[in-house]
Each structure stands twice: as structure tokens, then as C-alpha cells.
Amino acid sequence: SPLNQEGIEQVSKIKKLLEKGKLDNEKEDEVLNIMRGKGVTSILVSSNLRRAVGTAMIAFAPRIKDTKDKIHILSSLQEISRNIDTLALSQAREAPVVNLPKGYSAELDVNQNLGNKSLSSNGLIRMKEFAEWSFAREENTIIATGHSLWFRYFFATFLPYTCTHDAKTRKMVNGGAVSFLLTRSMYNGKPHYRINPESIVNIHGGFS
């Protein structure tokens, strides 16, 4: 399903933050600058669902205007669930059709859009695919636009077992933004991922 008017209003708050916002402390402002395309290198990525692509186009409109950065479409970020609104309409390497108010547009890189999730896929497979893709990139930071259930499972899977952070059990609010550090290590020849709970920073909205 496309981004509705309420969603446009919610994500417009992130756009305003990027335009001229300032947050409460140095760490939050550092993340905000990375979101603007400043500081360390970063890349914009989005789920292949239309509402996520629309969210990215609006939220990062100030950055895209300045840098002409592409938004990379990743099937691995597709929402977890078999509900009808979690299914992708775009085919492999096809750009999702996004209808937004005039003035919002971005070049989409669809090389990693493999079309709708297959019956053999599941959330864990896609989360690991996303993590592995991220560590194969040269950029320091991955800025991902996705879905609340996907992110909740991502946190629940890769935060330490004993961690009691809200991210494990609560969803990110619509139009929310959170940063964290994901690490990768090898064990018995297989990659293992971990989110450092101390690294989680709420930029806007948080969990509810």
C-alpha cells in the first residue's frame, strides 16, 4: 500500500529535522548530520514496498536535493508477515511506483530489488541478508527506511539475550528514527551479528 496522508505528515517531521533541526546532545546531532549526508560516508536504502520508498523520498528530500544521492531498493528489508500490505508489487529490478505530492523524487537503484519475497524466504533469512549486504558495503553507515515489525524482529534477534531494551518488544513509531551499532564476528566459519544496546540512540519518535 502507498504512503497515506497521515504517513506523509509523520515523515515530514524527519524532513524538517534534516532541514534545520538540532537535537539534545552531541551524539544525536552527529547522527542527524550523517542523515544529512555529512560527516562519515553513508548510503540511503529502502524496502521495496511503496510506502517505505515514499517515506525515504520525503524524509531525505533535503539531502537528495543537495547530494543527488540515490535510494537503493533492497528486497531484504521487505516487511515480515504475509498480510496483503506486506507484498511487493514491483518485479525484480523494477522501480516501485510511488505517488507523492509534487516536488518529491529520487533516483532509485533497483539492482538489489529481487521482487516480492518468495515462499521459501522468511524474516530471519532477509535480516541476515541485509546484515551481510551492509558489511559488504564501503560506507560507514547504512540509513535504512523500512517497517516497524521488521525492525522489532531485527532488534529482538541481534540484541543480547539478556538485554531488556524496549526495542526488543516494542515497535518503532511511524516516522521514527533510531541509530545503533551492528557488529559482525565469525564463529565456526559463519557470520554472527550483534547490536550493542549501549549504542541505541533515539533520534525521533522512538518506540511505543
C-alpha atoms as a PDB file:
ATOM      1  CA  SER A   1       0.000   0.000   0.000  1.00  0.00           C
ATOM      2  CA  PRO A   2       1.211   3.560  -0.677  1.00  0.00           C
ATOM      3  CA  LEU A   3       2.043   6.162   1.946  1.00  0.00           C
ATOM      4  CA  ASN A   4      -1.182   7.845   3.092  1.00  0.00           C
ATOM      5  CA  GLN A   5      -1.696  11.454   4.181  1.00  0.00           C
ATOM      6  CA  GLU A   6      -1.114  10.648   7.849  1.00  0.00           C
ATOM      7  CA  GLY A   7       2.150   8.923   6.929  1.00  0.00           C
ATOM      8  CA  ILE A   8       3.226  11.928   4.863  1.00  0.00           C
ATOM      9  CA  GLU A   9       2.617  14.206   7.843  1.00  0.00           C
ATOM     10  CA  GLN A  10       4.531  11.885  10.181  1.00  0.00           C
ATOM     11  CA  VAL A  11       7.616  11.562   7.988  1.00  0.00           C
ATOM     12  CA  SER A  12       7.617  15.284   7.209  1.00  0.00           C
ATOM     13  CA  LYS A  13       8.853  15.794  10.772  1.00  0.00           C
ATOM     14  CA  ILE A  14      12.073  13.974   9.872  1.00  0.00           C
ATOM     15  CA  LYS A  15      12.413  16.173   6.786  1.00  0.00           C
ATOM     16  CA  LYS A  16      12.109  19.282   8.967  1.00  0.00           C
ATOM     17  CA  LEU A  17      14.761  17.931  11.331  1.00  0.00           C
ATOM     18  CA  LEU A  18      17.140  17.445   8.427  1.00  0.00           C
ATOM     19  CA  GLU A  19      16.440  20.933   7.125  1.00  0.00           C
ATOM     20  CA  LYS A  20      17.191  22.911  10.259  1.00  0.00           C
ATOM     21  CA  GLY A  21      16.722  20.779  13.331  1.00  0.00           C
ATOM     22  CA  LYS A  22      19.030  20.461  16.320  1.00  0.00           C
ATOM     23  CA  LEU A  23      18.789  17.705  18.937  1.00  0.00           C
ATOM     24  CA  ASP A  24      19.551  17.475  22.636  1.00  0.00           C
ATOM     25  CA  ASN A  25      23.125  16.244  22.677  1.00  0.00           C
ATOM     26  CA  GLU A  26      26.275  15.892  20.617  1.00  0.00           C
ATOM     27  CA  LYS A  27      25.729  12.205  19.730  1.00  0.00           C
ATOM     28  CA  GLU A  28      22.208  12.810  18.441  1.00  0.00           C
ATOM     29  CA  ASP A  29      23.385  15.793  16.390  1.00  0.00           C
ATOM     30  CA  GLU A  30      26.229  13.682  14.966  1.00  0.00           C
ATOM     31  CA  VAL A  31      23.712  11.088  13.740  1.00  0.00           C
ATOM     32  CA  LEU A  32      21.489  13.829  12.332  1.00  0.00           C
ATOM     33  CA  ASN A  33      24.420  15.197  10.328  1.00  0.00           C
ATOM     34  CA  ILE A  34      25.132  11.732   8.931  1.00  0.00           C
ATOM     35  CA  MET A  35      21.483  11.536   7.880  1.00  0.00           C
ATOM     36  CA  ARG A  36      22.033  14.856   6.091  1.00  0.00           C
ATOM     37  CA  GLY A  37      24.902  13.317   4.138  1.00  0.00           C
ATOM     38  CA  LYS A  38      27.662  14.977   6.135  1.00  0.00           C
ATOM     39  CA  GLY A  39      30.445  13.531   8.266  1.00  0.00           C
ATOM     40  CA  VAL A  40      31.184   9.840   7.725  1.00  0.00           C
ATOM     41  CA  THR A  41      30.128   8.162   4.490  1.00  0.00           C
ATOM     42  CA  SER A  42      26.585   6.785   4.352  1.00  0.00           C
ATOM     43  CA  ILE A  43      24.099   5.269   1.920  1.00  0.00           C
ATOM     44  CA  LEU A  44      20.309   5.546   1.670  1.00  0.00           C
ATOM     45  CA  VAL A  45      18.410   2.255   1.372  1.00  0.00           C
ATOM     46  CA  SER A  46      14.741   1.329   1.462  1.00  0.00           C
ATOM     47  CA  SER A  47      12.408  -1.633   1.491  1.00  0.00           C
ATOM     48  CA  ASN A  48      10.839  -2.430  -1.880  1.00  0.00           C
ATOM     49  CA  LEU A  49       7.352  -1.581  -0.587  1.00  0.00           C
ATOM     50  CA  ARG A  50       5.879   1.646  -1.913  1.00  0.00           C
ATOM     51  CA  ARG A  51       5.190   3.271   1.457  1.00  0.00           C
ATOM     52  CA  ALA A  52       8.812   2.791   2.538  1.00  0.00           C
ATOM     53  CA  VAL A  53      10.180   4.259  -0.699  1.00  0.00           C
ATOM     54  CA  GLY A  54       7.806   7.202  -0.339  1.00  0.00           C
ATOM     55  CA  THR A  55       8.934   7.683   3.258  1.00  0.00           C
ATOM     56  CA  ALA A  56      12.583   7.786   2.178  1.00  0.00           C
ATOM     57  CA  MET A  57      11.871  10.255  -0.640  1.00  0.00           C
ATOM     58  CA  ILE A  58      10.160  12.693   1.740  1.00  0.00           C
ATOM     59  CA  ALA A  59      12.396  12.273   4.794  1.00  0.00           C
ATOM     60  CA  PHE A  60      15.625  12.650   2.865  1.00  0.00           C
ATOM     61  CA  ALA A  61      14.439  15.223   0.330  1.00  0.00           C
ATOM     62  CA  PRO A  62      16.847  17.893   1.708  1.00  0.00           C
ATOM     63  CA  ARG A  63      19.798  15.509   1.404  1.00  0.00           C
ATOM     64  CA  ILE A  64      18.797  14.249  -2.044  1.00  0.00           C
ATOM     65  CA  LYS A  65      18.462  17.839  -3.267  1.00  0.00           C
ATOM     66  CA  ASP A  66      21.992  18.653  -2.072  1.00  0.00           C
ATOM     67  CA  THR A  67      23.828  15.430  -2.902  1.00  0.00           C
ATOM     68  CA  LYS A  68      21.738  13.806  -5.673  1.00  0.00           C
ATOM     69  CA  ASP A  69      22.148  10.524  -3.756  1.00  0.00           C
ATOM     70  CA  LYS A  70      20.239   7.505  -4.991  1.00  0.00           C
ATOM     71  CA  ILE A  71      17.940   5.416  -2.814  1.00  0.00           C
ATOM     72  CA  HIS A  72      18.924   1.750  -3.041  1.00  0.00           C
ATOM     73  CA  ILE A  73      15.931  -0.611  -3.022  1.00  0.00           C
ATOM     74  CA  LEU A  74      16.534  -3.808  -1.012  1.00  0.00           C
ATOM     75  CA  SER A  75      14.204  -6.804  -1.002  1.00  0.00           C
ATOM     76  CA  SER A  76      15.855  -7.894   2.238  1.00  0.00           C
ATOM     77  CA  LEU A  77      14.080  -5.019   4.018  1.00  0.00           C
ATOM     78  CA  GLN A  78      10.604  -6.154   2.919  1.00  0.00           C
ATOM     79  CA  GLU A  79       8.195  -6.333   5.847  1.00  0.00           C
ATOM     80  CA  ILE A  80       7.779  -9.538   7.858  1.00  0.00           C
ATOM     81  CA  SER A  81       4.253 -11.052   7.560  1.00  0.00           C
ATOM     82  CA  ARG A  82       2.069 -12.451   4.808  1.00  0.00           C
ATOM     83  CA  ASN A  83      -0.555  -9.724   5.104  1.00  0.00           C
ATOM     84  CA  ILE A  84      -1.588  -8.259   1.770  1.00  0.00           C
ATOM     85  CA  ASP A  85       0.011  -4.890   2.565  1.00  0.00           C
ATOM     86  CA  THR A  86       3.419  -6.522   3.028  1.00  0.00           C
ATOM     87  CA  LEU A  87       3.600  -7.843  -0.552  1.00  0.00           C
ATOM     88  CA  ALA A  88       5.650  -6.015  -3.171  1.00  0.00           C
ATOM     89  CA  LEU A  89       4.062  -5.085  -6.500  1.00  0.00           C
ATOM     90  CA  SER A  90       7.313  -4.283  -8.286  1.00  0.00           C
ATOM     91  CA  GLN A  91       9.076  -7.058 -10.165  1.00  0.00           C
ATOM     92  CA  ALA A  92      12.780  -7.898  -9.910  1.00  0.00           C
ATOM     93  CA  ARG A  93      14.958  -4.873 -10.732  1.00  0.00           C
ATOM     94  CA  GLU A  94      11.877  -2.758 -11.292  1.00  0.00           C
ATOM     95  CA  ALA A  95      11.300   0.543  -9.509  1.00  0.00           C
ATOM     96  CA  PRO A  96       8.280   0.672  -7.178  1.00  0.00           C
ATOM     97  CA  VAL A  97       5.652   3.151  -8.398  1.00  0.00           C
ATOM     98  CA  VAL A  98       5.371   5.916  -5.813  1.00  0.00           C
ATOM     99  CA  ASN A  99       2.775   8.708  -5.959  1.00  0.00           C
ATOM    100  CA  LEU A 100       3.744  11.659  -3.774  1.00  0.00           C
ATOM    101  CA  PRO A 101       2.950  15.378  -3.659  1.00  0.00           C
ATOM    102  CA  LYS A 102       4.732  17.441  -6.294  1.00  0.00           C
ATOM    103  CA  GLY A 103       8.385  18.137  -5.577  1.00  0.00           C
ATOM    104  CA  TYR A 104       9.409  14.751  -4.171  1.00  0.00           C
ATOM    105  CA  SER A 105      11.506  12.465  -6.337  1.00  0.00           C
ATOM    106  CA  ALA A 106      14.721  10.479  -6.240  1.00  0.00           C
ATOM    107  CA  GLU A 107      16.738   8.197  -8.464  1.00  0.00           C
ATOM    108  CA  LEU A 108      16.227   4.589  -7.393  1.00  0.00           C
ATOM    109  CA  ASP A 109      18.910   1.914  -7.651  1.00  0.00           C
ATOM    110  CA  VAL A 110      16.967  -1.325  -8.136  1.00  0.00           C
ATOM    111  CA  ASN A 111      19.846  -3.794  -8.523  1.00  0.00           C
ATOM    112  CA  GLN A 112      19.014  -5.329  -5.123  1.00  0.00           C
ATOM    113  CA  ASN A 113      15.256  -5.350  -5.666  1.00  0.00           C
ATOM    114  CA  LEU A 114      14.528  -9.033  -6.263  1.00  0.00           C
ATOM    115  CA  GLY A 115      10.778  -8.556  -6.407  1.00  0.00           C
ATOM    116  CA  ASN A 116       8.263  -9.888  -3.906  1.00  0.00           C
ATOM    117  CA  LYS A 117       9.531 -12.211  -1.167  1.00  0.00           C
ATOM    118  CA  SER A 118       9.345 -15.868  -2.125  1.00  0.00           C
ATOM    119  CA  LEU A 119       7.540 -18.575  -0.169  1.00  0.00           C
ATOM    120  CA  SER A 120      10.924 -20.049   0.723  1.00  0.00           C
ATOM    121  CA  SER A 121      12.032 -16.774   2.319  1.00  0.00           C
ATOM    122  CA  ASN A 122      11.378 -15.642   5.871  1.00  0.00           C
ATOM    123  CA  GLY A 123      12.190 -12.713   8.109  1.00  0.00           C
ATOM    124  CA  LEU A 124      15.352 -14.215   9.598  1.00  0.00           C
ATOM    125  CA  ILE A 125      16.782 -15.013   6.166  1.00  0.00           C
ATOM    126  CA  ARG A 126      16.142 -11.451   4.966  1.00  0.00           C
ATOM    127  CA  MET A 127      17.524  -9.857   8.119  1.00  0.00           C
ATOM    128  CA  LYS A 128      20.756 -11.827   7.749  1.00  0.00           C
ATOM    129  CA  GLU A 129      20.883 -10.941   4.040  1.00  0.00           C
ATOM    130  CA  PHE A 130      20.569  -7.264   4.941  1.00  0.00           C
ATOM    131  CA  ALA A 131      23.278  -7.513   7.598  1.00  0.00           C
ATOM    132  CA  GLU A 132      25.663  -9.297   5.237  1.00  0.00           C
ATOM    133  CA  TRP A 133      24.962  -6.788   2.459  1.00  0.00           C
ATOM    134  CA  SER A 134      25.653  -3.939   4.882  1.00  0.00           C
ATOM    135  CA  PHE A 135      29.064  -5.287   5.870  1.00  0.00           C
ATOM    136  CA  ALA A 136      29.987  -5.736   2.210  1.00  0.00           C
ATOM    137  CA  ARG A 137      29.495  -2.002   1.596  1.00  0.00           C
ATOM    138  CA  GLU A 138      32.288   0.562   1.785  1.00  0.00           C
ATOM    139  CA  GLU A 139      30.142   3.174   3.525  1.00  0.00           C
ATOM    140  CA  ASN A 140      30.465   3.643   7.283  1.00  0.00           C
ATOM    141  CA  THR A 141      26.722   3.983   7.849  1.00  0.00           C
ATOM    142  CA  ILE A 142      23.622   2.384   6.344  1.00  0.00           C
ATOM    143  CA  ILE A 143      20.487   4.548   6.558  1.00  0.00           C
ATOM    144  CA  ALA A 144      17.579   2.156   6.172  1.00  0.00           C
ATOM    145  CA  THR A 145      13.922   3.044   5.648  1.00  0.00           C
ATOM    146  CA  GLY A 146      11.717   0.076   6.447  1.00  0.00           C
ATOM    147  CA  HIS A 147       8.925  -1.289   8.606  1.00  0.00           C
ATOM    148  CA  SER A 148       8.166  -1.451  12.312  1.00  0.00           C
ATOM    149  CA  LEU A 149       7.697  -5.213  12.599  1.00  0.00           C
ATOM    150  CA  TRP A 150      10.885  -5.917  10.614  1.00  0.00           C
ATOM    151  CA  PHE A 151      12.895  -3.616  12.872  1.00  0.00           C
ATOM    152  CA  ARG A 152      11.376  -5.069  16.047  1.00  0.00           C
ATOM    153  CA  TYR A 153      12.435  -8.571  14.980  1.00  0.00           C
ATOM    154  CA  PHE A 154      15.857  -7.260  13.953  1.00  0.00           C
ATOM    155  CA  PHE A 155      16.421  -5.835  17.417  1.00  0.00           C
ATOM    156  CA  ALA A 156      14.994  -8.923  19.134  1.00  0.00           C
ATOM    157  CA  THR A 157      17.260 -11.192  17.084  1.00  0.00           C
ATOM    158  CA  PHE A 158      20.544  -9.319  17.350  1.00  0.00           C
ATOM    159  CA  LEU A 159      20.405  -7.629  20.756  1.00  0.00           C
ATOM    160  CA  PRO A 160      21.976  -9.746  23.542  1.00  0.00           C
ATOM    161  CA  TYR A 161      19.650 -12.349  25.055  1.00  0.00           C
ATOM    162  CA  THR A 162      19.746 -10.699  28.480  1.00  0.00           C
ATOM    163  CA  CYS A 163      19.054  -7.211  27.127  1.00  0.00           C
ATOM    164  CA  THR A 164      15.710  -5.720  28.187  1.00  0.00           C
ATOM    165  CA  HIS A 165      15.678  -2.681  25.893  1.00  0.00           C
ATOM    166  CA  ASP A 166      12.242  -1.558  24.644  1.00  0.00           C
ATOM    167  CA  ALA A 167      13.446  -2.182  21.084  1.00  0.00           C
ATOM    168  CA  LYS A 168      13.041  -5.921  21.688  1.00  0.00           C
ATOM    169  CA  THR A 169       9.335  -5.830  22.456  1.00  0.00           C
ATOM    170  CA  ARG A 170       8.005  -2.522  21.145  1.00  0.00           C
ATOM    171  CA  LYS A 171       7.690  -1.223  17.605  1.00  0.00           C
ATOM    172  CA  MET A 172       9.306   1.933  16.323  1.00  0.00           C
ATOM    173  CA  VAL A 173       6.676   4.624  15.874  1.00  0.00           C
ATOM    174  CA  ASN A 174       5.673   5.513  12.327  1.00  0.00           C
ATOM    175  CA  GLY A 175       8.084   8.129  11.053  1.00  0.00           C
ATOM    176  CA  GLY A 176      10.535   7.321  13.850  1.00  0.00           C
ATOM    177  CA  ALA A 177      14.319   7.291  13.556  1.00  0.00           C
ATOM    178  CA  VAL A 178      16.783   5.318  15.691  1.00  0.00           C
ATOM    179  CA  SER A 179      20.510   4.670  15.278  1.00  0.00           C
ATOM    180  CA  PHE A 180      22.583   1.747  16.536  1.00  0.00           C
ATOM    181  CA  LEU A 181      25.872  -0.073  16.031  1.00  0.00           C
ATOM    182  CA  LEU A 182      25.787  -3.533  14.438  1.00  0.00           C
ATOM    183  CA  THR A 183      28.913  -5.698  14.760  1.00  0.00           C
ATOM    184  CA  ARG A 184      29.934  -8.836  12.897  1.00  0.00           C
ATOM    185  CA  SER A 185      32.113 -11.733  14.064  1.00  0.00           C
ATOM    186  CA  MET A 186      32.856 -15.202  12.713  1.00  0.00           C
ATOM    187  CA  TYR A 187      32.153 -18.402  14.641  1.00  0.00           C
ATOM    188  CA  ASN A 188      32.695 -21.852  13.132  1.00  0.00           C
ATOM    189  CA  GLY A 189      33.029 -20.237   9.757  1.00  0.00           C
ATOM    190  CA  LYS A 190      29.656 -18.457   9.932  1.00  0.00           C
ATOM    191  CA  PRO A 191      28.935 -14.746  10.481  1.00  0.00           C
ATOM    192  CA  HIS A 192      27.257 -13.699  13.710  1.00  0.00           C
ATOM    193  CA  TYR A 193      25.739 -10.269  14.260  1.00  0.00           C
ATOM    194  CA  ARG A 194      25.182  -8.282  17.430  1.00  0.00           C
ATOM    195  CA  ILE A 195      23.649  -4.913  18.261  1.00  0.00           C
ATOM    196  CA  ASN A 196      25.398  -3.066  21.069  1.00  0.00           C
ATOM    197  CA  PRO A 197      22.491  -2.000  23.340  1.00  0.00           C
ATOM    198  CA  GLU A 198      24.514   0.953  24.617  1.00  0.00           C
ATOM    199  CA  SER A 199      24.757   2.276  21.064  1.00  0.00           C
ATOM    200  CA  ILE A 200      20.998   2.728  20.527  1.00  0.00           C
ATOM    201  CA  VAL A 201      20.172   6.417  20.091  1.00  0.00           C
ATOM    202  CA  ASN A 202      16.644   7.763  19.661  1.00  0.00           C
ATOM    203  CA  ILE A 203      16.674  10.471  17.012  1.00  0.00           C
ATOM    204  CA  HIS A 204      12.931  10.947  16.666  1.00  0.00           C
ATOM    205  CA  GLY A 205       9.850   9.159  17.983  1.00  0.00           C
ATOM    206  CA  GLY A 206      11.435   6.061  19.472  1.00  0.00           C
ATOM    207  CA  PHE A 207       9.374   3.013  20.476  1.00  0.00           C
ATOM    208  CA  SER A 208       5.785   2.598  21.602  1.00  0.00           C
END
